[in-house]
C-alpha atoms as a PDB file:
ATOM      1  CA  GLN A   1       0.117  -0.063  -0.002  1.00  0.00           C
ATOM      2  CA  PRO A   2       1.088   3.706  -0.744  1.00  0.00           C
ATOM      3  CA  PRO A   3       1.959   5.675   2.579  1.00  0.00           C
ATOM      4  CA  LEU A   4      -0.696   7.895   3.741  1.00  0.00           C
ATOM      5  CA  ILE A   5       0.074  11.032   3.231  1.00  0.00           C
ATOM      6  CA  PRO A   6      -0.632  12.959   7.091  1.00  0.00           C
ATOM      7  CA  SER A   7      -3.248  15.876   6.454  1.00  0.00           C
ATOM      8  CA  SER A   8      -2.220  19.497   7.180  1.00  0.00           C
ATOM      9  CA  ARG A   9      -4.052  19.438  10.153  1.00  0.00           C
ATOM     10  CA  GLU A  10      -2.003  16.564  11.908  1.00  0.00           C
ATOM     11  CA  VAL A  11       1.130  18.172  10.159  1.00  0.00           C
ATOM     12  CA  ARG A  12       0.369  21.113  12.246  1.00  0.00           C
ATOM     13  CA  THR A  13      -0.700  19.442  15.470  1.00  0.00           C
ATOM     14  CA  ASP A  14       2.929  17.388  15.336  1.00  0.00           C
ATOM     15  CA  SER A  15       4.576  20.894  14.455  1.00  0.00           C
ATOM     16  CA  ALA A  16       3.157  22.248  17.441  1.00  0.00           C
ATOM     17  CA  HIS A  17       4.069  19.337  19.843  1.00  0.00           C
ATOM     18  CA  SER A  18       7.558  19.231  18.410  1.00  0.00           C
ATOM     19  CA  PHE A  19       7.956  22.952  19.137  1.00  0.00           C
ATOM     20  CA  VAL A  20       6.319  22.630  22.717  1.00  0.00           C
ATOM     21  CA  GLU A  21       8.590  19.639  23.585  1.00  0.00           C
ATOM     22  CA  GLN A  22      11.802  21.643  21.899  1.00  0.00           C
ATOM     23  CA  LEU A  23      10.718  24.908  24.144  1.00  0.00           C
ATOM     24  CA  SER A  24      10.475  22.460  27.637  1.00  0.00           C
ATOM     25  CA  THR A  25      13.624  21.114  27.469  1.00  0.00           C
ATOM     26  CA  THR A  26      15.413  24.618  26.560  1.00  0.00           C
ATOM     27  CA  THR A  27      16.907  26.680  29.053  1.00  0.00           C
ATOM     28  CA  ILE A  28      16.577  30.202  28.861  1.00  0.00           C
ATOM     29  CA  ALA A  29      19.706  32.692  30.049  1.00  0.00           C
ATOM     30  CA  ALA A  30      18.715  35.064  32.629  1.00  0.00           C
ATOM     31  CA  PRO A  31      19.898  38.626  30.851  1.00  0.00           C
ATOM     32  CA  LYS A  32      23.243  39.828  32.179  1.00  0.00           C
ATOM     33  CA  MET A  33      23.085  42.511  34.925  1.00  0.00           C
ATOM     34  CA  SER A  34      25.597  45.260  35.376  1.00  0.00           C
ATOM     35  CA  SER A  35      28.315  44.136  37.784  1.00  0.00           C
ATOM     36  CA  THR A  36      28.788  47.547  38.831  1.00  0.00           C
ATOM     37  CA  PRO A  37      26.167  48.920  41.517  1.00  0.00           C
ATOM     38  CA  ALA A  38      24.595  51.778  41.637  1.00  0.00           C
ATOM     39  CA  PRO A  39      26.259  54.779  43.552  1.00  0.00           C
ATOM     40  CA  ALA A  40      24.646  55.118  46.843  1.00  0.00           C
ATOM     41  CA  PRO A  41      22.670  58.320  47.645  1.00  0.00           C
ATOM     42  CA  LEU A  42      25.290  60.724  49.572  1.00  0.00           C
ATOM     43  CA  SER A  43      24.350  60.978  53.120  1.00  0.00           C
ATOM     44  CA  LYS A  44      23.001  64.323  54.789  1.00  0.00           C
ATOM     45  CA  PRO A  45      26.268  65.389  56.268  1.00  0.00           C
ATOM     46  CA  ILE A  46      28.293  64.887  53.100  1.00  0.00           C
ATOM     47  CA  VAL A  47      25.523  66.900  51.059  1.00  0.00           C
ATOM     48  CA  PHE A  48      25.784  70.028  53.706  1.00  0.00           C
ATOM     49  CA  ALA A  49      29.468  69.618  53.921  1.00  0.00           C
ATOM     50  CA  THR A  50      30.330  69.444  49.986  1.00  0.00           C
ATOM     51  CA  SER A  51      27.586  72.499  49.453  1.00  0.00           C
ATOM     52  CA  GLY A  52      29.693  74.506  52.136  1.00  0.00           C
ATOM     53  CA  MET A  53      33.344  73.611  50.847  1.00  0.00           C
ATOM     54  CA  GLY A  54      32.194  73.966  47.367  1.00  0.00           C
ATOM     55  CA  GLY A  55      30.862  77.666  48.602  1.00  0.00           C
ATOM     56  CA  MET A  56      34.077  78.559  49.743  1.00  0.00           C
ATOM     57  CA  LEU A  57      36.043  77.550  47.279  1.00  0.00           C
ATOM     58  CA  GLY A  58      34.020  79.629  44.488  1.00  0.00           C
ATOM     59  CA  TRP A  59      33.709  82.199  46.646  1.00  0.00           C
ATOM     60  CA  VAL A  60      37.791  82.804  46.944  1.00  0.00           C
ATOM     61  CA  LEU A  61      37.412  83.496  43.244  1.00  0.00           C
ATOM     62  CA  VAL A  62      34.909  86.063  42.707  1.00  0.00           C
ATOM     63  CA  HIS A  63      35.666  87.944  45.798  1.00  0.00           C
ATOM     64  CA  PRO A  64      37.296  90.730  44.122  1.00  0.00           C
ATOM     65  CA  ALA A  65      34.027  91.173  41.875  1.00  0.00           C
ATOM     66  CA  ASN A  66      32.040  91.240  44.773  1.00  0.00           C
ATOM     67  CA  THR A  67      34.137  94.024  46.702  1.00  0.00           C
ATOM     68  CA  VAL A  68      33.871  96.014  43.666  1.00  0.00           C
ATOM     69  CA  ALA A  69      30.437  95.773  43.394  1.00  0.00           C
ATOM     70  CA  VAL A  70      29.886  96.616  47.077  1.00  0.00           C
ATOM     71  CA  ARG A  71      32.020  99.542  46.257  1.00  0.00           C
ATOM     72  CA  MET A  72      30.109 100.627  43.686  1.00  0.00           C
ATOM     73  CA  ASN A  73      26.946 100.270  44.671  1.00  0.00           C
ATOM     74  CA  LEU A  74      27.637 102.252  47.861  1.00  0.00           C
ATOM     75  CA  SER A  75      29.918 105.264  46.442  1.00  0.00           C
ATOM     76  CA  SER A  76      26.423 107.244  45.637  1.00  0.00           C
ATOM     77  CA  MET A  77      25.207 106.465  48.975  1.00  0.00           C
ATOM     78  CA  GLN A  78      28.278 108.569  50.209  1.00  0.00           C
ATOM     79  CA  GLY A  79      27.878 111.107  47.626  1.00  0.00           C
ATOM     80  CA  LYS A  80      31.231 110.469  45.349  1.00  0.00           C
ATOM     81  CA  LYS A  81      31.852 108.965  42.030  1.00  0.00           C
ATOM     82  CA  PHE A  82      33.544 105.156  41.865  1.00  0.00           C
ATOM     83  CA  SER A  83      36.446 105.136  40.097  1.00  0.00           C
ATOM     84  CA  PHE A  84      38.290 101.438  40.057  1.00  0.00           C
ATOM     85  CA  ALA A  85      41.670 103.292  39.122  1.00  0.00           C
ATOM     86  CA  GLY A  86      41.104 105.626  42.030  1.00  0.00           C
ATOM     87  CA  MET A  87      40.330 102.538  44.522  1.00  0.00           C
ATOM     88  CA  ILE A  88      43.472 100.888  43.478  1.00  0.00           C
ATOM     89  CA  ARG A  89      45.706 103.986  43.729  1.00  0.00           C
ATOM     90  CA  GLU A  90      44.224 104.750  47.214  1.00  0.00           C
ATOM     91  CA  ASN A  91      43.950 101.180  48.606  1.00  0.00           C
ATOM     92  CA  GLY A  92      46.229  98.786  46.849  1.00  0.00           C
ATOM     93  CA  LEU A  93      45.442  95.965  44.635  1.00  0.00           C
ATOM     94  CA  MET A  94      44.867  93.608  47.270  1.00  0.00           C
ATOM     95  CA  SER A  95      42.306  95.796  48.939  1.00  0.00           C
ATOM     96  CA  VAL A  96      39.868  93.886  46.342  1.00  0.00           C
ATOM     97  CA  TYR A  97      40.155  90.995  49.222  1.00  0.00           C
ATOM     98  CA  ASP A  98      39.143  93.227  51.868  1.00  0.00           C
ATOM     99  CA  GLY A  99      36.674  91.121  53.758  1.00  0.00           C
ATOM    100  CA  LEU A 100      37.439  88.301  52.486  1.00  0.00           C
ATOM    101  CA  ALA A 101      37.228  86.015  55.796  1.00  0.00           C
ATOM    102  CA  ALA A 102      33.637  87.205  56.371  1.00  0.00           C
ATOM    103  CA  GLY A 103      32.799  86.389  52.837  1.00  0.00           C
ATOM    104  CA  VAL A 104      33.797  83.072  53.170  1.00  0.00           C
ATOM    105  CA  TRP A 105      32.312  82.479  56.512  1.00  0.00           C
ATOM    106  CA  ARG A 106      28.986  83.603  54.857  1.00  0.00           C
ATOM    107  CA  GLN A 107      29.268  80.862  52.563  1.00  0.00           C
ATOM    108  CA  VAL A 108      29.845  78.347  55.403  1.00  0.00           C
ATOM    109  CA  PHE A 109      26.569  79.148  56.690  1.00  0.00           C
ATOM    110  CA  TYR A 110      24.831  80.266  53.391  1.00  0.00           C
ATOM    111  CA  ALA A 111      25.786  77.683  50.468  1.00  0.00           C
ATOM    112  CA  SER A 112      25.997  74.867  53.228  1.00  0.00           C
ATOM    113  CA  SER A 113      22.418  75.776  53.982  1.00  0.00           C
ATOM    114  CA  ARG A 114      21.059  76.743  50.788  1.00  0.00           C
ATOM    115  CA  PHE A 115      22.156  73.815  48.807  1.00  0.00           C
ATOM    116  CA  GLY A 116      21.880  71.207  51.552  1.00  0.00           C
ATOM    117  CA  LEU A 117      18.296  72.517  52.718  1.00  0.00           C
ATOM    118  CA  PHE A 118      17.541  72.499  48.819  1.00  0.00           C
ATOM    119  CA  GLU A 119      18.672  68.999  47.986  1.00  0.00           C
ATOM    120  CA  THR A 120      16.892  67.687  51.722  1.00  0.00           C
ATOM    121  CA  CYS A 121      13.672  69.470  50.902  1.00  0.00           C
ATOM    122  CA  ARG A 122      13.336  68.443  47.377  1.00  0.00           C
ATOM    123  CA  ASP A 123      14.071  64.719  48.080  1.00  0.00           C
ATOM    124  CA  LYS A 124      11.739  65.186  51.043  1.00  0.00           C
ATOM    125  CA  LEU A 125       8.759  66.381  48.893  1.00  0.00           C
ATOM    126  CA  HIS A 126       9.527  63.760  46.556  1.00  0.00           C
ATOM    127  CA  GLU A 127       8.747  60.965  48.822  1.00  0.00           C
ATOM    128  CA  ILE A 128       5.297  62.818  49.942  1.00  0.00           C
ATOM    129  CA  ARG A 129       4.206  63.618  46.271  1.00  0.00           C
ATOM    130  CA  GLY A 130       6.010  60.706  44.509  1.00  0.00           C
ATOM    131  CA  LYS A 131       7.372  63.213  42.025  1.00  0.00           C
ATOM    132  CA  THR A 132       9.750  65.633  41.704  1.00  0.00           C
ATOM    133  CA  ASP A 133       7.806  68.627  39.034  1.00  0.00           C
ATOM    134  CA  PHE A 134       9.261  71.801  38.120  1.00  0.00           C
ATOM    135  CA  ALA A 135       6.895  73.997  40.085  1.00  0.00           C
ATOM    136  CA  GLY A 136       7.820  71.715  43.407  1.00  0.00           C
ATOM    137  CA  ARG A 137      11.748  72.814  42.548  1.00  0.00           C
ATOM    138  CA  VAL A 138      10.950  76.107  42.231  1.00  0.00           C
ATOM    139  CA  GLY A 139       9.078  76.174  45.453  1.00  0.00           C
ATOM    140  CA  VAL A 140      11.888  74.598  47.285  1.00  0.00           C
ATOM    141  CA  GLY A 141      14.382  77.108  45.793  1.00  0.00           C
ATOM    142  CA  ALA A 142      12.759  80.104  46.899  1.00  0.00           C
ATOM    143  CA  VAL A 143      11.920  78.856  50.455  1.00  0.00           C
ATOM    144  CA  THR A 144      15.082  77.351  51.248  1.00  0.00           C
ATOM    145  CA  GLY A 145      17.062  80.621  49.271  1.00  0.00           C
ATOM    146  CA  ALA A 146      15.415  82.845  51.864  1.00  0.00           C
ATOM    147  CA  THR A 147      15.810  80.536  54.740  1.00  0.00           C
ATOM    148  CA  ALA A 148      19.746  80.151  54.206  1.00  0.00           C
ATOM    149  CA  ALA A 149      19.960  84.161  54.197  1.00  0.00           C
ATOM    150  CA  MET A 150      18.337  84.749  57.232  1.00  0.00           C
ATOM    151  CA  ILE A 151      20.871  82.204  58.919  1.00  0.00           C
ATOM    152  CA  SER A 152      23.773  83.719  57.247  1.00  0.00           C
ATOM    153  CA  CYS A 153      23.052  87.294  57.289  1.00  0.00           C
ATOM    154  CA  PRO A 154      25.412  88.116  60.392  1.00  0.00           C
ATOM    155  CA  MET A 155      28.078  87.169  58.140  1.00  0.00           C
ATOM    156  CA  GLU A 156      26.714  88.964  55.115  1.00  0.00           C
ATOM    157  CA  VAL A 157      26.603  92.250  57.454  1.00  0.00           C
ATOM    158  CA  ALA A 158      30.239  91.994  58.240  1.00  0.00           C
ATOM    159  CA  THR A 159      31.045  91.063  54.538  1.00  0.00           C
ATOM    160  CA  VAL A 160      29.373  94.158  53.443  1.00  0.00           C
ATOM    161  CA  ARG A 161      31.037  96.434  56.386  1.00  0.00           C
ATOM    162  CA  MET A 162      34.630  94.614  55.921  1.00  0.00           C
ATOM    163  CA  SER A 163      34.562  94.986  51.966  1.00  0.00           C
ATOM    164  CA  ASN A 164      33.766  99.104  51.859  1.00  0.00           C
ATOM    165  CA  ASP A 165      35.331 100.262  55.446  1.00  0.00           C
ATOM    166  CA  ALA A 166      38.501 101.542  53.469  1.00  0.00           C
ATOM    167  CA  THR A 167      36.197 103.707  50.983  1.00  0.00           C
ATOM    168  CA  LEU A 168      34.950 106.194  53.883  1.00  0.00           C
ATOM    169  CA  PRO A 169      36.154 109.133  54.841  1.00  0.00           C
ATOM    170  CA  ALA A 170      39.364 108.458  57.579  1.00  0.00           C
ATOM    171  CA  ASP A 171      36.334 109.878  60.674  1.00  0.00           C
ATOM    172  CA  GLN A 172      33.792 107.456  59.307  1.00  0.00           C
ATOM    173  CA  ARG A 173      36.073 104.318  59.080  1.00  0.00           C
ATOM    174  CA  ARG A 174      35.331 101.456  61.823  1.00  0.00           C
ATOM    175  CA  ASN A 175      38.551 100.213  61.433  1.00  0.00           C
ATOM    176  CA  TYR A 176      37.737  96.491  61.824  1.00  0.00           C
ATOM    177  CA  LYS A 177      40.674  94.474  62.792  1.00  0.00           C
ATOM    178  CA  GLY A 178      39.268  90.726  61.472  1.00  0.00           C
ATOM    179  CA  VAL A 179      35.927  89.213  61.494  1.00  0.00           C
ATOM    180  CA  ALA A 180      35.963  88.400  65.111  1.00  0.00           C
ATOM    181  CA  ASP A 181      36.268  92.002  65.908  1.00  0.00           C
ATOM    182  CA  VAL A 182      33.357  92.756  63.517  1.00  0.00           C
ATOM    183  CA  VAL A 183      31.392  90.212  65.550  1.00  0.00           C
ATOM    184  CA  LYS A 184      32.106  91.545  68.812  1.00  0.00           C
ATOM    185  CA  ARG A 185      31.842  95.205  68.343  1.00  0.00           C
ATOM    186  CA  ILE A 186      28.533  94.743  66.532  1.00  0.00           C
ATOM    187  CA  TYR A 187      27.207  93.231  69.234  1.00  0.00           C
ATOM    188  CA  VAL A 188      28.462  95.361  71.538  1.00  0.00           C
ATOM    189  CA  GLU A 189      28.190  98.755  70.228  1.00  0.00           C
ATOM    190  CA  GLU A 190      24.862  98.375  68.096  1.00  0.00           C
ATOM    191  CA  GLY A 191      23.092  95.413  69.350  1.00  0.00           C
ATOM    192  CA  ALA A 192      22.037  91.952  68.219  1.00  0.00           C
ATOM    193  CA  ALA A 193      19.608  93.259  65.959  1.00  0.00           C
ATOM    194  CA  ALA A 194      22.428  94.677  63.649  1.00  0.00           C
ATOM    195  CA  PHE A 195      23.154  91.617  62.572  1.00  0.00           C
ATOM    196  CA  TRP A 196      20.104  91.582  60.682  1.00  0.00           C
ATOM    197  CA  ARG A 197      20.054  95.152  59.191  1.00  0.00           C
ATOM    198  CA  GLY A 198      19.349  94.260  55.447  1.00  0.00           C
ATOM    199  CA  SER A 199      18.072  90.689  56.180  1.00  0.00           C
ATOM    200  CA  THR A 200      14.445  91.464  54.468  1.00  0.00           C
ATOM    201  CA  PRO A 201      15.920  92.192  51.052  1.00  0.00           C
ATOM    202  CA  PHE A 202      19.119  89.630  51.401  1.00  0.00           C
ATOM    203  CA  ALA A 203      16.031  86.922  51.916  1.00  0.00           C
ATOM    204  CA  GLN A 204      13.741  88.344  48.895  1.00  0.00           C
ATOM    205  CA  ARG A 205      17.189  88.185  46.875  1.00  0.00           C
ATOM    206  CA  ALA A 206      17.922  84.932  47.801  1.00  0.00           C
ATOM    207  CA  ALA A 207      14.488  83.720  47.337  1.00  0.00           C
ATOM    208  CA  LEU A 208      14.605  85.259  43.591  1.00  0.00           C
ATOM    209  CA  VAL A 209      17.909  83.721  43.312  1.00  0.00           C
ATOM    210  CA  GLY A 210      16.601  79.968  44.192  1.00  0.00           C
ATOM    211  CA  VAL A 211      13.576  80.710  41.719  1.00  0.00           C
ATOM    212  CA  PHE A 212      15.629  82.048  38.300  1.00  0.00           C
ATOM    213  CA  GLN A 213      18.695  79.420  39.261  1.00  0.00           C
ATOM    214  CA  VAL A 214      16.269  76.155  39.258  1.00  0.00           C
ATOM    215  CA  ALA A 215      13.772  77.756  36.514  1.00  0.00           C
ATOM    216  CA  THR A 216      16.223  78.539  34.208  1.00  0.00           C
ATOM    217  CA  LEU A 217      19.831  76.486  34.763  1.00  0.00           C
ATOM    218  CA  ASP A 218      18.822  73.343  33.672  1.00  0.00           C
ATOM    219  CA  GLN A 219      17.086  74.897  30.875  1.00  0.00           C
ATOM    220  CA  PHE A 220      19.932  76.413  29.423  1.00  0.00           C
ATOM    221  CA  LYS A 221      22.248  73.354  29.839  1.00  0.00           C
ATOM    222  CA  GLU A 222      19.972  71.615  27.909  1.00  0.00           C
ATOM    223  CA  MET A 223      19.721  74.487  25.230  1.00  0.00           C
ATOM    224  CA  TYR A 224      23.523  74.888  24.708  1.00  0.00           C
ATOM    225  CA  ALA A 225      23.803  70.680  24.676  1.00  0.00           C
ATOM    226  CA  HIS A 226      21.204  71.068  21.589  1.00  0.00           C
ATOM    227  CA  TYR A 227      22.691  74.250  19.754  1.00  0.00           C
ATOM    228  CA  LEU A 228      26.067  73.962  20.563  1.00  0.00           C
ATOM    229  CA  ASN A 229      26.575  70.568  20.742  1.00  0.00           C
ATOM    230  CA  GLN A 230      28.310  70.404  24.102  1.00  0.00           C
ATOM    231  CA  LYS A 231      28.241  67.523  26.437  1.00  0.00           C
ATOM    232  CA  LYS A 232      25.650  68.281  29.570  1.00  0.00           C
ATOM    233  CA  ASN A 233      27.102  68.770  32.658  1.00  0.00           C
ATOM    234  CA  SER A 234      30.771  69.338  31.047  1.00  0.00           C
ATOM    235  CA  VAL A 235      32.392  72.624  32.380  1.00  0.00           C
ATOM    236  CA  PRO A 236      31.892  74.388  28.734  1.00  0.00           C
ATOM    237  CA  ASN A 237      28.029  73.534  29.381  1.00  0.00           C
ATOM    238  CA  VAL A 238      27.889  74.257  33.007  1.00  0.00           C
ATOM    239  CA  PHE A 239      29.853  77.590  32.275  1.00  0.00           C
ATOM    240  CA  CYS A 240      27.903  78.773  29.354  1.00  0.00           C
ATOM    241  CA  ALA A 241      24.530  78.291  31.461  1.00  0.00           C
ATOM    242  CA  ALA A 242      25.414  79.475  34.913  1.00  0.00           C
ATOM    243  CA  MET A 243      26.433  82.637  33.046  1.00  0.00           C
ATOM    244  CA  THR A 244      23.718  83.017  31.190  1.00  0.00           C
ATOM    245  CA  SER A 245      21.430  82.052  33.954  1.00  0.00           C
ATOM    246  CA  GLY A 246      23.420  84.553  35.984  1.00  0.00           C
ATOM    247  CA  LEU A 247      22.527  87.319  33.671  1.00  0.00           C
ATOM    248  CA  ILE A 248      18.879  86.796  34.052  1.00  0.00           C
ATOM    249  CA  TYR A 249      19.075  86.745  37.760  1.00  0.00           C
ATOM    250  CA  SER A 250      21.317  89.490  38.451  1.00  0.00           C
ATOM    251  CA  ILE A 251      18.984  91.907  36.545  1.00  0.00           C
ATOM    252  CA  ALA A 252      16.250  90.739  38.629  1.00  0.00           C
ATOM    253  CA  THR A 253      17.578  90.810  42.044  1.00  0.00           C
ATOM    254  CA  MET A 254      20.439  93.786  41.749  1.00  0.00           C
ATOM    255  CA  PRO A 255      17.821  96.200  43.322  1.00  0.00           C
ATOM    256  CA  LEU A 256      17.594  94.171  46.308  1.00  0.00           C
ATOM    257  CA  GLU A 257      21.240  93.555  46.156  1.00  0.00           C
ATOM    258  CA  ALA A 258      21.620  97.200  46.638  1.00  0.00           C
ATOM    259  CA  ALA A 259      18.947  97.564  49.225  1.00  0.00           C
ATOM    260  CA  LYS A 260      20.766  94.934  51.365  1.00  0.00           C
ATOM    261  CA  ASN A 261      24.272  96.774  50.921  1.00  0.00           C
ATOM    262  CA  ARG A 262      22.553  99.759  52.233  1.00  0.00           C
ATOM    263  CA  MET A 263      20.835  98.439  55.114  1.00  0.00           C
ATOM    264  CA  ALA A 264      24.017  96.602  56.005  1.00  0.00           C
ATOM    265  CA  ASN A 265      26.303  99.719  56.077  1.00  0.00           C
ATOM    266  CA  GLN A 266      23.973 102.381  57.392  1.00  0.00           C
ATOM    267  CA  LYS A 267      24.719 104.518  60.322  1.00  0.00           C
ATOM    268  CA  PRO A 268      22.127 105.939  62.550  1.00  0.00           C
ATOM    269  CA  ASP A 269      21.592 109.793  62.004  1.00  0.00           C
ATOM    270  CA  PRO A 270      24.112 111.773  64.619  1.00  0.00           C
ATOM    271  CA  LYS A 271      21.021 114.114  65.375  1.00  0.00           C
ATOM    272  CA  THR A 272      17.841 111.971  65.668  1.00  0.00           C
ATOM    273  CA  GLY A 273      19.581 108.519  65.948  1.00  0.00           C
ATOM    274  CA  LYS A 274      17.662 107.040  63.576  1.00  0.00           C
ATOM    275  CA  LEU A 275      18.465 104.919  60.696  1.00  0.00           C
ATOM    276  CA  PRO A 276      17.815 106.116  56.941  1.00  0.00           C
ATOM    277  CA  TYR A 277      16.333 102.820  55.806  1.00  0.00           C
ATOM    278  CA  THR A 278      13.607 100.641  57.476  1.00  0.00           C
ATOM    279  CA  GLY A 279      12.611  98.559  54.647  1.00  0.00           C
ATOM    280  CA  THR A 280      12.996  97.524  51.423  1.00  0.00           C
ATOM    281  CA  LEU A 281      10.113  99.550  49.544  1.00  0.00           C
ATOM    282  CA  GLN A 282      10.990 102.698  51.956  1.00  0.00           C
ATOM    283  CA  LEU A 283      14.573 102.490  50.670  1.00  0.00           C
ATOM    284  CA  MET A 284      13.865 102.046  46.999  1.00  0.00           C
ATOM    285  CA  ARG A 285      11.436 104.849  46.883  1.00  0.00           C
ATOM    286  CA  ALA A 286      14.383 106.796  48.940  1.00  0.00           C
ATOM    287  CA  VAL A 287      16.985 106.071  46.602  1.00  0.00           C
ATOM    288  CA  SER A 288      15.016 106.582  43.684  1.00  0.00           C
ATOM    289  CA  ALA A 289      13.648 110.091  44.125  1.00  0.00           C
ATOM    290  CA  ASN A 290      17.131 111.326  45.179  1.00  0.00           C
ATOM    291  CA  GLU A 291      19.648 109.702  43.135  1.00  0.00           C
ATOM    292  CA  GLY A 292      17.338 108.000  40.066  1.00  0.00           C
ATOM    293  CA  PHE A 293      16.284 104.556  39.936  1.00  0.00           C
ATOM    294  CA  LEU A 294      19.591 103.304  38.069  1.00  0.00           C
ATOM    295  CA  ALA A 295      21.454 104.096  41.079  1.00  0.00           C
ATOM    296  CA  LEU A 296      19.901 100.913  42.465  1.00  0.00           C
ATOM    297  CA  TYR A 297      22.003  98.903  39.456  1.00  0.00           C
ATOM    298  CA  ASN A 298      25.440 100.650  39.839  1.00  0.00           C
ATOM    299  CA  GLY A 299      27.943  97.899  40.280  1.00  0.00           C
ATOM    300  CA  PHE A 300      25.822  95.615  37.743  1.00  0.00           C
ATOM    301  CA  LEU A 301      28.912  94.367  35.928  1.00  0.00           C
ATOM    302  CA  PRO A 302      30.973  92.925  38.841  1.00  0.00           C
ATOM    303  CA  TYR A 303      27.761  91.964  40.335  1.00  0.00           C
ATOM    304  CA  TYR A 304      27.022  89.855  37.402  1.00  0.00           C
ATOM    305  CA  MET A 305      30.507  88.745  37.127  1.00  0.00           C
ATOM    306  CA  ARG A 306      30.283  87.570  40.725  1.00  0.00           C
ATOM    307  CA  CYS A 307      26.858  86.088  40.252  1.00  0.00           C
ATOM    308  CA  GLY A 308      27.483  83.748  36.973  1.00  0.00           C
ATOM    309  CA  GLY A 309      31.360  82.991  38.214  1.00  0.00           C
ATOM    310  CA  HIS A 310      30.480  81.926  41.634  1.00  0.00           C
ATOM    311  CA  THR A 311      27.404  79.695  40.286  1.00  0.00           C
ATOM    312  CA  VAL A 312      30.097  78.422  37.793  1.00  0.00           C
ATOM    313  CA  ALA A 313      33.004  77.744  40.285  1.00  0.00           C
ATOM    314  CA  MET A 314      30.754  76.481  43.132  1.00  0.00           C
ATOM    315  CA  PHE A 315      28.903  73.706  41.053  1.00  0.00           C
ATOM    316  CA  ILE A 316      32.026  72.509  39.344  1.00  0.00           C
ATOM    317  CA  ALA A 317      33.828  72.482  42.946  1.00  0.00           C
ATOM    318  CA  VAL A 318      30.980  70.204  44.850  1.00  0.00           C
ATOM    319  CA  GLN A 319      30.484  67.942  41.886  1.00  0.00           C
ATOM    320  CA  MET A 320      34.378  67.605  42.340  1.00  0.00           C
ATOM    321  CA  LEU A 321      34.526  67.196  46.265  1.00  0.00           C
ATOM    322  CA  ARG A 322      31.475  64.554  45.774  1.00  0.00           C
ATOM    323  CA  ASP A 323      33.442  62.306  43.144  1.00  0.00           C
ATOM    324  CA  ALA A 324      36.555  62.510  45.064  1.00  0.00           C
ATOM    325  CA  TYR A 325      34.571  61.436  48.134  1.00  0.00           C
ATOM    326  CA  THR A 326      32.427  58.480  46.332  1.00  0.00           C
ATOM    327  CA  ASN A 327      35.962  57.551  44.465  1.00  0.00           C
ATOM    328  CA  SER A 328      37.384  56.992  47.906  1.00  0.00           C
ATOM    329  CA  ILE A 329      34.602  55.113  49.842  1.00  0.00           C
ATOM    330  CA  MET A 330      34.451  52.613  46.618  1.00  0.00           C
END
């Protein structure tokens, strides 16, 4: 008899059984996982410490720009025109580092609390809400910036006074000998409340810096990476983004910086014993009426150099410190 030809249905059934048998006897290898574990998140003490140290290192580079900005800003308050060449001729080139110690101490409190609190609160908000969106970062940036300003205001007052003291007439100079002398004399001669003169515009400025920096820095990083083919978070990328972001928030915050400088440096009227400036809006109205609104922007260029330059130097320093710490414990 000729062999029977299986039907197409039988062929499909046999093929299916064969495939099932092969599948049951085949061992499927599990996908290979990376042998390098993801780095553990940094502890909060390390976050605060690296933020403060990065701020201190960055400030050493930009303090001369801050000194020039303060002196230019306060020159009209003293009724004179600022000249950089005249400042160098009268006080010497190294006078741009007047108040450096107070500025570094300011960063111990300001940078560590501002960025340490920002990262801590941002992470906590993420735990509560399950997400970290743009609005959340902006809100956290504003609140933590203002909080850091209130914490560091005594050192801000000391920095402004030491940076500008050499430009005052000889009979009006306070002739501070150092940070400890500033703190002691302010407390003894003017009372503890004097440490927080200018705290309101300082906190307002810090809140705006937090908002603008959070709102623009990452966007500019993305933009320069896209249009200039930069590697995101590389030194050129951070530099370009920080200087652009710094320009925007320098324009927005310069009047508050001027208000803070004037309130921190003011003296009571010798006849009435009252301070000339009592609040941010009152100061801005008085300056605008007596000197013109643009007087609040005296010293803008060095202020911008300070803002953008410190952002660049600090972020790079913080990242290097954290990378070094992570590599040392691995």
